[in-house]
Amino acid sequence: MTIDHVVEPRLRALAVQLIPMRSAVILRRGATEVRIDGERAREAVETVLAAVSGQGATVAEVCERFAESDRPEVTRLLGELRTRRLLVPTGSPTGTTAGDDSSDTSVEDSRLDIFYWHFGQRAADVARSLSSRQIAVVGVNAVSRRLVSALTAIGAMSIEAVDYPPLRGVELVATDNGTGCAAAAVAHAEWLDRADVEEVHCVTATSDFGASEHLRLWNRFCVERRIPFLPVVQRDLVGTVGPLVMPGEMPCYECACAREGSHLDDPAARRAVAENAFEGQRFAALHPSAVTVLAELAAVELSKWFGGGRPPTRQVGTLVEVNVAQPAVTVRRVLRVPRCPVCSPSNAHSAGAVRDTAIDFR
């Protein structure tokens, strides 16, 4: 008969800032702050950090550095730091550097590493995951151009720009001289005809002049083919990101439009403006900084979902509204419309009819 002994893990500290106070000390990493009170708090914390440096140490090894009467408190402190993920096992994937066994603490965390640490990820792992995802960015306009740049900066390599004329920024294309994003984009008809369309991990439809009616078509297209969909729209002073649509699991963009319309005094007028948004581009308000804020926010949302970490459940089914003129950022919860003509389960029997409507892009 063999008895397996549980091996106590060796712990190491992630990079933290130690901030002394009177009769207390604060450990800070990103948005996480842990306050430890007591006259000897700083001495105790510094002893713990020294003990777990290098190759790390077990709880028992750390406690050996303290008087026996202090060890119960030290054990509780170690437990709290583990709960806050400031102390991690030496082989933990939530460490700081990619490609090692997480035991080498000589390499400092980057600020991007610390950002992703909040979501249980590392910058190198996010970049690796994003580089393997096929993301289609629909529309050649100021939003899509900035979004492609932002995604590339965080490691997304398989990005394809799709030129869908109703979402084309006329002013941008006119000044592009055939050498920029318009020239690099694939025509939407060609993209739709390809056999690998349904292998796309996400479609992000963009507009810098409203045009929500055309984004609704892309929403329908993606829901039918079970492709994740993210609309990113700048409409005059207000930009919106979302909702992120995971077909079959949550509300779609059609639900968001229906909910918005139900609160408008004159929904018919809003729809008329949306239907004529392309022709009204030169009358639409647009500030380059507003587009930058919107696109960067969309890139962060995509990296959180497709970066390979814990699924950010609060991100799903929400619409983020950005108004740079106020300024204000508002997060709105989107609820599924019971009889939504796009995502309701009752539409499954009419998939053929939906396909005919959804493909009417040419």
Protein backbone atom coordinates (compact mmCIF):
# COMPACT_ATOMS: atom_id res chain seq x y z
CA MET A 1 0.00 0.00 0.00
CA THR A 2 1.41 3.39 -1.03
CA ILE A 3 0.63 6.66 0.69
CA ASP A 4 0.95 9.73 -1.48
CA HIS A 5 2.30 12.71 0.40
CA VAL A 6 0.95 16.12 -0.50
CA VAL A 7 3.86 18.33 -1.47
CA GLU A 8 3.53 21.83 -0.08
CA PRO A 9 3.89 24.33 -2.95
CA ARG A 10 6.73 26.78 -3.04
CA LEU A 11 5.46 30.33 -3.24
CA ARG A 12 6.89 33.41 -4.85
CA ALA A 13 5.78 37.02 -4.87
CA LEU A 14 4.69 38.85 -7.97
CA ALA A 15 6.04 42.37 -8.42
CA VAL A 16 4.36 44.65 -5.87
CA GLN A 17 4.81 48.17 -4.59
CA LEU A 18 5.37 48.40 -0.83
CA ILE A 19 3.95 51.62 0.60
CA PRO A 20 4.73 52.28 4.29
CA MET A 21 2.23 54.08 6.53
CA ARG A 22 2.16 54.79 10.23
CA SER A 23 1.49 51.44 11.92
CA ALA A 24 0.61 49.84 8.58
CA VAL A 25 1.89 48.95 5.13
CA ILE A 26 0.13 48.69 1.76
CA LEU A 27 1.00 46.20 -0.97
CA ARG A 28 -0.14 47.39 -4.37
CA ARG A 29 -0.24 45.69 -7.74
CA GLY A 30 -2.38 47.42 -10.34
CA ALA A 31 -5.87 47.98 -8.93
CA THR A 32 -5.29 45.50 -6.08
CA GLU A 33 -4.31 47.03 -2.75
CA VAL A 34 -3.80 45.07 0.47
CA ARG A 35 -3.37 46.91 3.76
CA ILE A 36 -1.60 45.14 6.63
CA ASP A 37 -1.91 46.83 10.01
CA GLY A 38 0.41 46.61 13.01
CA GLU A 39 3.49 48.23 14.49
CA ARG A 40 5.70 45.55 12.94
CA ALA A 41 3.69 45.23 9.70
CA ARG A 42 6.45 46.57 7.46
CA GLU A 43 9.10 44.36 9.04
CA ALA A 44 6.87 41.29 8.71
CA VAL A 45 5.98 41.96 5.07
CA GLU A 46 9.60 42.63 4.12
CA THR A 47 10.60 39.37 5.80
CA VAL A 48 7.93 37.47 3.86
CA LEU A 49 8.98 39.01 0.55
CA ALA A 50 12.63 38.24 1.22
CA ALA A 51 11.77 34.64 2.12
CA VAL A 52 9.88 33.98 -1.13
CA SER A 53 12.39 35.68 -3.41
CA GLY A 54 14.62 33.68 -5.74
CA GLN A 55 13.41 30.07 -5.89
CA GLY A 56 10.48 30.76 -3.57
CA ALA A 57 9.61 29.17 -0.23
CA THR A 58 6.92 27.02 1.38
CA VAL A 59 4.62 28.35 4.09
CA ALA A 60 6.61 26.36 6.66
CA GLU A 61 9.89 27.82 5.44
CA VAL A 62 8.53 31.36 5.65
CA CYS A 63 7.16 30.76 9.14
CA GLU A 64 10.57 29.55 10.32
CA ARG A 65 11.80 33.14 9.99
CA PHE A 66 9.36 34.29 12.66
CA ALA A 67 8.96 33.69 16.36
CA GLU A 68 6.64 30.81 17.15
CA SER A 69 4.06 33.17 18.67
CA ASP A 70 3.86 35.11 15.37
CA ARG A 71 3.46 32.11 13.08
CA PRO A 72 -0.38 31.83 13.16
CA GLU A 73 -0.63 35.48 12.04
CA VAL A 74 2.04 34.96 9.38
CA THR A 75 0.15 31.92 8.07
CA ARG A 76 -3.03 34.01 7.82
CA LEU A 77 -1.10 36.76 6.04
CA LEU A 78 0.28 34.27 3.51
CA GLY A 79 -3.22 32.94 2.93
CA GLU A 80 -4.56 36.43 2.27
CA LEU A 81 -1.74 37.23 -0.15
CA ARG A 82 -2.41 33.96 -1.99
CA THR A 83 -6.13 34.78 -2.18
CA ARG A 84 -5.26 38.15 -3.71
CA ARG A 85 -2.83 36.37 -6.09
CA LEU A 86 0.13 38.43 -4.89
CA LEU A 87 1.77 35.18 -3.82
CA VAL A 88 1.58 32.37 -6.38
CA PRO A 89 3.05 28.87 -6.72
CA THR A 90 6.42 28.93 -8.48
CA GLY A 91 4.94 27.16 -11.52
CA SER A 92 1.89 29.41 -11.77
CA PRO A 93 0.83 30.54 -15.27
CA THR A 94 -0.34 33.84 -13.75
CA GLY A 95 3.28 34.82 -13.30
CA THR A 96 5.08 37.57 -15.07
CA THR A 97 7.08 36.21 -17.95
CA ALA A 98 6.15 33.97 -20.83
CA GLY A 99 8.17 30.95 -21.82
CA ASP A 100 9.70 30.21 -18.41
CA ASP A 101 8.79 28.10 -15.41
CA SER A 102 7.79 31.21 -13.47
CA SER A 103 10.65 30.72 -11.01
CA ASP A 104 12.91 33.43 -12.41
CA THR A 105 11.95 36.68 -10.71
CA SER A 106 14.79 38.66 -12.26
CA VAL A 107 12.58 39.83 -15.13
CA GLU A 108 10.32 42.73 -14.21
CA ASP A 109 6.65 42.72 -15.10
CA SER A 110 5.63 45.11 -17.83
CA ARG A 111 2.67 47.35 -17.12
CA LEU A 112 0.76 45.41 -19.78
CA ASP A 113 1.48 42.19 -17.85
CA ILE A 114 0.03 43.80 -14.73
CA PHE A 115 -3.05 44.90 -16.65
CA TYR A 116 -3.74 41.38 -17.94
CA TRP A 117 -2.93 39.87 -14.52
CA HIS A 118 -6.28 41.23 -13.29
CA PHE A 119 -7.94 38.84 -15.76
CA GLY A 120 -5.71 35.85 -15.06
CA GLN A 121 -3.65 36.40 -18.20
CA ARG A 122 -0.15 37.38 -19.32
CA ALA A 123 0.66 39.79 -22.13
CA ALA A 124 2.65 37.20 -24.11
CA ASP A 125 -0.14 34.63 -23.79
CA VAL A 126 -2.76 37.16 -24.89
CA ALA A 127 -0.66 38.12 -27.91
CA ARG A 128 -0.18 34.44 -28.77
CA SER A 129 -3.90 33.73 -28.48
CA LEU A 130 -4.90 36.82 -30.45
CA SER A 131 -2.41 35.98 -33.21
CA SER A 132 -4.21 32.66 -33.74
CA ARG A 133 -7.68 34.26 -34.02
CA GLN A 134 -9.13 35.31 -37.35
CA ILE A 135 -10.84 38.67 -36.91
CA ALA A 136 -12.73 40.34 -39.74
CA VAL A 137 -13.09 44.11 -39.45
CA VAL A 138 -15.95 45.23 -41.69
CA GLY A 139 -16.03 48.76 -43.07
CA VAL A 140 -13.29 51.04 -44.37
CA ASN A 141 -13.61 54.13 -42.20
CA ALA A 142 -11.91 56.08 -39.42
CA VAL A 143 -13.06 53.62 -36.74
CA SER A 144 -11.87 50.50 -38.56
CA ARG A 145 -8.51 52.05 -39.43
CA ARG A 146 -7.82 52.90 -35.79
CA LEU A 147 -9.17 49.53 -34.60
CA VAL A 148 -6.90 47.54 -36.90
CA SER A 149 -3.94 49.55 -35.64
CA ALA A 150 -4.92 48.99 -31.99
CA LEU A 151 -5.42 45.24 -32.47
CA THR A 152 -2.09 44.90 -34.25
CA ALA A 153 -0.35 46.69 -31.38
CA ILE A 154 -1.56 44.07 -28.86
CA GLY A 155 -0.60 41.06 -30.98
CA ALA A 156 -3.54 40.30 -33.28
CA MET A 157 -1.97 39.18 -36.54
CA SER A 158 -4.82 37.51 -38.47
CA ILE A 159 -6.92 40.60 -39.12
CA GLU A 160 -8.75 41.03 -42.40
CA ALA A 161 -10.29 44.34 -43.42
CA VAL A 162 -13.51 43.88 -45.39
CA ASP A 163 -14.69 46.74 -47.61
CA TYR A 164 -18.49 46.87 -47.37
CA PRO A 165 -19.55 49.98 -49.36
CA PRO A 166 -22.47 51.08 -47.10
CA LEU A 167 -19.98 51.32 -44.19
CA ARG A 168 -17.29 53.05 -46.22
CA GLY A 169 -16.07 56.41 -44.95
CA VAL A 170 -16.15 58.45 -48.15
CA GLU A 171 -13.86 61.19 -46.84
CA LEU A 172 -11.25 58.68 -45.65
CA VAL A 173 -11.28 56.71 -48.89
CA ALA A 174 -11.02 59.92 -50.93
CA THR A 175 -7.83 60.95 -49.10
CA ASP A 176 -6.36 57.44 -48.98
CA ASN A 177 -4.79 57.73 -52.46
CA GLY A 178 -5.28 54.00 -52.98
CA THR A 179 -2.34 53.15 -50.72
CA GLY A 180 -3.87 52.74 -47.24
CA CYS A 181 -6.67 50.77 -45.62
CA ALA A 182 -8.99 50.97 -48.64
CA ALA A 183 -6.44 49.36 -50.93
CA ALA A 184 -5.64 46.65 -48.37
CA ALA A 185 -9.27 45.68 -47.74
CA VAL A 186 -10.91 42.73 -49.49
CA ALA A 187 -14.22 43.38 -51.25
CA HIS A 188 -17.17 42.12 -49.21
CA ALA A 189 -18.53 40.00 -52.08
CA GLU A 190 -15.20 38.23 -52.43
CA TRP A 191 -15.01 37.71 -48.67
CA LEU A 192 -18.53 36.27 -48.52
CA ASP A 193 -17.80 33.81 -51.33
CA ARG A 194 -14.85 32.27 -49.56
CA ALA A 195 -15.30 28.82 -48.09
CA ASP A 196 -13.55 29.71 -44.81
CA VAL A 197 -15.90 32.52 -43.76
CA GLU A 198 -17.44 30.38 -41.03
CA GLU A 199 -13.97 29.74 -39.59
CA VAL A 200 -13.70 33.41 -38.62
CA HIS A 201 -13.53 33.81 -34.84
CA CYS A 202 -15.16 37.25 -34.77
CA VAL A 203 -16.69 39.81 -37.11
CA THR A 204 -16.40 43.43 -36.00
CA ALA A 205 -18.57 45.79 -38.03
CA THR A 206 -17.62 49.47 -37.81
CA SER A 207 -19.02 52.84 -38.80
CA ASP A 208 -18.00 56.44 -38.16
CA PHE A 209 -21.33 57.92 -39.28
CA GLY A 210 -24.04 55.80 -37.62
CA ALA A 211 -25.48 53.42 -40.24
CA SER A 212 -26.92 51.05 -37.64
CA GLU A 213 -29.29 49.59 -40.24
CA HIS A 214 -26.37 48.03 -42.11
CA LEU A 215 -24.83 46.71 -38.91
CA ARG A 216 -28.12 44.94 -38.24
CA LEU A 217 -27.61 43.00 -41.48
CA TRP A 218 -24.18 41.89 -40.36
CA ASN A 219 -25.59 40.96 -36.98
CA ARG A 220 -28.14 38.71 -38.69
CA PHE A 221 -25.44 37.21 -40.90
CA CYS A 222 -23.26 36.35 -37.89
CA VAL A 223 -26.06 35.01 -35.70
CA GLU A 224 -27.15 32.65 -38.46
CA ARG A 225 -23.61 31.31 -38.89
CA ARG A 226 -22.85 31.35 -35.15
CA ILE A 227 -19.95 33.77 -35.57
CA PRO A 228 -19.26 36.12 -32.63
CA PHE A 229 -20.13 39.69 -33.60
CA LEU A 230 -19.07 43.06 -32.17
CA PRO A 231 -20.54 46.32 -33.52
CA VAL A 232 -18.45 49.48 -33.05
CA VAL A 233 -20.27 52.65 -34.09
CA GLN A 234 -19.54 56.36 -33.84
CA ARG A 235 -22.71 58.39 -34.33
CA ASP A 236 -22.05 62.11 -34.06
CA LEU A 237 -21.13 62.83 -30.42
CA VAL A 238 -21.73 59.32 -29.10
CA GLY A 239 -19.87 56.11 -29.82
CA THR A 240 -20.91 52.59 -28.82
CA VAL A 241 -19.06 49.31 -28.44
CA GLY A 242 -21.22 46.20 -28.26
CA PRO A 243 -23.06 44.30 -27.34
CA LEU A 244 -20.68 41.43 -27.97
CA VAL A 245 -22.94 38.86 -29.60
CA MET A 246 -22.25 35.18 -28.91
CA PRO A 247 -24.95 33.50 -31.03
CA GLY A 248 -27.29 31.22 -29.13
CA GLU A 249 -26.06 32.40 -25.75
CA MET A 250 -27.05 36.04 -25.33
CA PRO A 251 -28.90 39.04 -26.83
CA CYS A 252 -27.91 40.26 -30.26
CA TYR A 253 -27.51 43.70 -31.82
CA GLU A 254 -31.10 43.55 -33.08
CA CYS A 255 -32.21 43.23 -29.45
CA ALA A 256 -30.14 46.30 -28.56
CA CYS A 257 -31.66 48.33 -31.41
CA ALA A 258 -35.18 47.24 -30.44
CA ARG A 259 -34.62 48.17 -26.79
CA GLU A 260 -33.22 51.56 -27.80
CA GLY A 261 -36.13 52.20 -30.15
CA SER A 262 -38.67 51.45 -27.44
CA HIS A 263 -37.35 54.41 -25.41
CA LEU A 264 -37.32 56.94 -28.26
CA ASP A 265 -40.01 59.59 -28.66
CA ASP A 266 -39.83 59.28 -32.45
CA PRO A 267 -38.28 55.93 -33.48
CA ALA A 268 -39.43 56.37 -37.09
CA ALA A 269 -37.34 59.53 -37.41
CA ARG A 270 -34.29 57.80 -35.91
CA ARG A 271 -34.65 54.92 -38.37
CA ALA A 272 -35.00 57.34 -41.30
CA VAL A 273 -31.74 59.05 -40.29
CA ALA A 274 -30.01 55.66 -39.91
CA GLU A 275 -31.21 54.48 -43.32
CA ASN A 276 -29.79 57.62 -44.94
CA ALA A 277 -26.59 57.77 -42.90
CA PHE A 278 -24.29 56.94 -45.81
CA GLU A 279 -25.59 59.83 -47.92
CA GLY A 280 -25.43 62.15 -44.90
CA GLN A 281 -21.79 61.56 -44.01
CA ARG A 282 -20.69 65.11 -44.71
CA PHE A 283 -23.33 66.35 -42.27
CA ALA A 284 -22.27 63.99 -39.46
CA ALA A 285 -20.14 65.22 -36.55
CA LEU A 286 -16.80 63.46 -36.12
CA HIS A 287 -13.78 64.16 -33.92
CA PRO A 288 -10.62 62.09 -34.45
CA SER A 289 -10.05 61.74 -30.70
CA ALA A 290 -13.54 60.30 -30.25
CA VAL A 291 -12.75 57.65 -32.86
CA THR A 292 -9.45 56.83 -31.14
CA VAL A 293 -11.12 56.36 -27.75
CA LEU A 294 -13.82 54.16 -29.27
CA ALA A 295 -11.46 51.96 -31.28
CA GLU A 296 -9.01 51.50 -28.41
CA LEU A 297 -11.87 50.49 -26.11
CA ALA A 298 -13.09 47.96 -28.68
CA ALA A 299 -9.57 46.50 -28.94
CA VAL A 300 -9.41 46.04 -25.17
CA GLU A 301 -12.81 44.32 -25.13
CA LEU A 302 -11.74 41.94 -27.91
CA SER A 303 -8.46 41.16 -26.14
CA LYS A 304 -10.29 40.33 -22.91
CA TRP A 305 -12.62 37.91 -24.69
CA PHE A 306 -10.29 36.34 -27.27
CA GLY A 307 -7.03 36.61 -25.33
CA GLY A 308 -7.36 33.13 -23.84
CA GLY A 309 -8.03 34.04 -20.20
CA ARG A 310 -11.12 33.70 -18.02
CA PRO A 311 -14.27 34.66 -19.99
CA PRO A 312 -15.27 38.17 -18.85
CA THR A 313 -18.93 37.35 -18.21
CA ARG A 314 -19.88 40.93 -17.35
CA GLN A 315 -18.73 42.04 -20.80
CA VAL A 316 -21.29 39.86 -22.56
CA GLY A 317 -24.71 41.38 -23.14
CA THR A 318 -23.54 44.90 -22.36
CA LEU A 319 -23.24 47.99 -24.51
CA VAL A 320 -20.59 50.60 -23.67
CA GLU A 321 -21.55 54.14 -24.64
CA VAL A 322 -18.83 56.79 -24.91
CA ASN A 323 -19.62 60.49 -25.14
CA VAL A 324 -16.41 62.53 -25.35
CA ALA A 325 -18.35 65.81 -25.37
CA GLN A 326 -19.77 65.27 -21.85
CA PRO A 327 -17.41 63.46 -21.14
CA ALA A 328 -19.09 60.25 -19.98
CA VAL A 329 -18.84 56.49 -20.29
CA THR A 330 -22.02 54.51 -19.63
CA VAL A 331 -22.37 50.74 -19.51
CA ARG A 332 -25.85 49.52 -20.42
CA ARG A 333 -27.19 46.04 -19.88
CA VAL A 334 -28.88 44.63 -22.99
CA LEU A 335 -31.71 42.16 -22.46
CA ARG A 336 -32.84 39.70 -25.09
CA VAL A 337 -36.10 40.59 -26.83
CA PRO A 338 -38.40 37.56 -26.39
CA ARG A 339 -39.49 37.46 -30.04
CA CYS A 340 -36.37 38.94 -31.60
CA PRO A 341 -36.57 38.34 -35.39
CA VAL A 342 -32.87 37.43 -35.43
CA CYS A 343 -31.81 35.56 -32.28
CA SER A 344 -35.04 34.12 -30.89
CA PRO A 345 -34.96 30.27 -30.82
CA SER A 346 -38.35 30.31 -32.55
CA ASN A 347 -36.62 31.51 -35.75
CA ALA A 348 -34.67 28.26 -36.17
CA HIS A 349 -37.30 26.74 -38.44
CA SER A 350 -37.00 29.62 -40.93
CA ALA A 351 -33.22 29.56 -41.40
CA GLY A 352 -33.53 29.52 -45.18
CA ALA A 353 -35.50 32.75 -45.28
CA VAL A 354 -33.06 34.38 -42.90
CA ARG A 355 -30.15 33.34 -45.09
CA ASP A 356 -31.67 35.03 -48.13
CA THR A 357 -32.08 38.30 -46.23
CA ALA A 358 -28.70 38.15 -44.49
CA ILE A 359 -26.77 37.56 -47.70
CA ASP A 360 -28.34 40.50 -49.47
CA PHE A 361 -25.07 42.47 -49.28
CA ARG A 362 -24.20 42.64 -52.95
